[in-house]
Amino acid sequence: MVQVARGVSTRDLTFDIETALGVSPLSPGFWFSVGARYSIREEEKLYRRFRGMNDVDVHSRKMTRNNILDSLLILRNKILGGLSRKYRRKAEFLYVRIRWNPEGERPSRE
């Protein structure tokens, strides 16, 4: 999880995440998801329901180059753009979840 610093564009940060994930796929069994976390302090009902933060992410996908690029495009163009307009602020955190299991099965949604 990366905290988005003041003055840093979340869109630019997604390009840094893309570079960090690299260009070669990992061995079979690795799954990943990317997402953003927004503060929702002003909306009391949502605050209580989500304990102050709202996570929005892309479903887990096999960790291949095409899936990484596709998920980051969804994060960059759909999630960050739409929710920044909805909450009238940029995301406070961006994150990448990487999971592995020996059977190669998709991880459950948490």
Protein backbone atom coordinates (compact mmCIF):
# COMPACT_ATOMS: atom_id res chain seq x y z
CA MET A 1 0.00 0.00 0.00
CA VAL A 2 1.34 3.39 -0.99
CA GLN A 3 0.12 6.60 0.58
CA VAL A 4 -0.44 9.29 -2.04
CA ALA A 5 1.59 12.31 -1.01
CA ARG A 6 0.26 15.84 -1.30
CA GLY A 7 1.01 17.22 -4.76
CA VAL A 8 1.49 13.78 -6.32
CA SER A 9 -0.89 12.67 -9.06
CA THR A 10 -2.57 9.30 -8.47
CA ARG A 11 -2.49 8.76 -12.24
CA ASP A 12 1.30 9.21 -12.30
CA LEU A 13 1.62 6.87 -9.34
CA THR A 14 -0.10 4.08 -11.31
CA PHE A 15 2.72 4.28 -13.86
CA ASP A 16 5.24 3.80 -11.03
CA ILE A 17 3.28 0.73 -9.86
CA GLU A 18 3.36 -0.62 -13.42
CA THR A 19 7.15 -0.24 -13.50
CA ALA A 20 7.52 -1.88 -10.09
CA LEU A 21 5.48 -4.93 -11.13
CA GLY A 22 7.87 -5.53 -14.02
CA VAL A 23 7.35 -6.97 -17.47
CA SER A 24 7.73 -10.70 -16.92
CA PRO A 25 4.96 -12.88 -15.46
CA LEU A 26 5.57 -14.73 -12.21
CA SER A 27 5.33 -18.48 -11.89
CA PRO A 28 1.86 -20.07 -11.99
CA GLY A 29 -0.26 -19.65 -8.91
CA PHE A 30 0.29 -15.90 -8.47
CA TRP A 31 -2.78 -13.63 -8.51
CA PHE A 32 -2.97 -9.89 -8.01
CA SER A 33 -5.43 -7.03 -7.67
CA VAL A 34 -4.98 -3.26 -7.64
CA GLY A 35 -7.13 -0.65 -5.96
CA ALA A 36 -7.57 2.69 -4.27
CA ARG A 37 -8.66 3.75 -0.80
CA TYR A 38 -10.70 6.88 -0.19
CA SER A 39 -11.54 8.63 3.06
CA ILE A 40 -15.29 9.13 3.58
CA ARG A 41 -15.30 11.03 6.87
CA GLU A 42 -17.99 13.53 5.83
CA GLU A 43 -20.66 10.90 5.18
CA GLU A 44 -21.54 9.50 8.60
CA LYS A 45 -23.48 6.38 7.46
CA LEU A 46 -20.72 5.30 5.09
CA TYR A 47 -18.07 6.16 7.69
CA ARG A 48 -19.60 3.78 10.22
CA ARG A 49 -20.17 1.05 7.63
CA PHE A 50 -16.63 1.11 6.21
CA ARG A 51 -14.79 2.31 9.35
CA GLY A 52 -13.75 5.55 7.70
CA MET A 53 -12.18 4.23 4.52
CA ASN A 54 -13.67 2.88 1.31
CA ASP A 55 -11.61 0.44 -0.78
CA VAL A 56 -12.36 -0.01 -4.45
CA ASP A 57 -10.36 -2.55 -6.40
CA VAL A 58 -10.19 -4.72 -9.49
CA HIS A 59 -10.99 -8.42 -8.99
CA SER A 60 -8.02 -10.75 -8.58
CA ARG A 61 -6.48 -11.85 -11.85
CA LYS A 62 -3.65 -14.16 -12.85
CA MET A 63 -0.40 -12.25 -12.77
CA THR A 64 0.43 -11.93 -16.46
CA ARG A 65 1.72 -8.86 -18.29
CA ASN A 66 -1.57 -8.33 -20.17
CA ASN A 67 -3.64 -8.63 -16.98
CA ILE A 68 -1.34 -6.22 -15.13
CA LEU A 69 -1.66 -3.61 -17.89
CA ASP A 70 -5.42 -4.09 -18.19
CA SER A 71 -6.03 -3.83 -14.44
CA LEU A 72 -3.89 -0.70 -14.16
CA LEU A 73 -5.82 0.88 -17.05
CA ILE A 74 -9.09 0.13 -15.24
CA LEU A 75 -7.67 1.63 -12.03
CA ARG A 76 -6.27 4.67 -13.83
CA ASN A 77 -9.21 5.47 -16.13
CA LYS A 78 -12.32 4.15 -14.37
CA ILE A 79 -11.77 3.88 -10.64
CA LEU A 80 -9.56 6.91 -9.99
CA GLY A 81 -11.45 9.16 -12.37
CA GLY A 82 -14.96 8.20 -11.30
CA LEU A 83 -14.43 8.07 -7.55
CA SER A 84 -12.37 11.23 -7.44
CA ARG A 85 -15.34 13.00 -8.99
CA LYS A 86 -17.76 11.25 -6.60
CA TYR A 87 -15.82 12.02 -3.41
CA ARG A 88 -14.39 15.32 -4.75
CA ARG A 89 -10.86 14.36 -3.75
CA LYS A 90 -8.08 12.08 -4.86
CA ALA A 91 -7.45 8.66 -3.38
CA GLU A 92 -5.43 8.60 -0.17
CA PHE A 93 -3.80 5.22 -0.88
CA LEU A 94 -3.14 2.99 -3.89
CA TYR A 95 -2.40 -0.67 -3.31
CA VAL A 96 -1.43 -3.92 -4.98
CA ARG A 97 -2.35 -7.28 -3.46
CA ILE A 98 -0.31 -10.25 -4.60
CA ARG A 99 -1.40 -13.73 -3.56
CA TRP A 100 -0.09 -17.20 -4.25
CA ASN A 101 -1.44 -20.66 -3.66
CA PRO A 102 -0.04 -24.00 -4.82
CA GLU A 103 -3.27 -25.06 -6.57
CA GLY A 104 -3.37 -21.87 -8.63
CA GLU A 105 -6.99 -21.16 -7.64
CA ARG A 106 -8.43 -17.65 -7.65
CA PRO A 107 -8.36 -16.09 -4.17
CA SER A 108 -11.67 -15.28 -2.53
CA ARG A 109 -12.89 -11.67 -2.36
CA GLU A 110 -12.14 -10.09 1.02
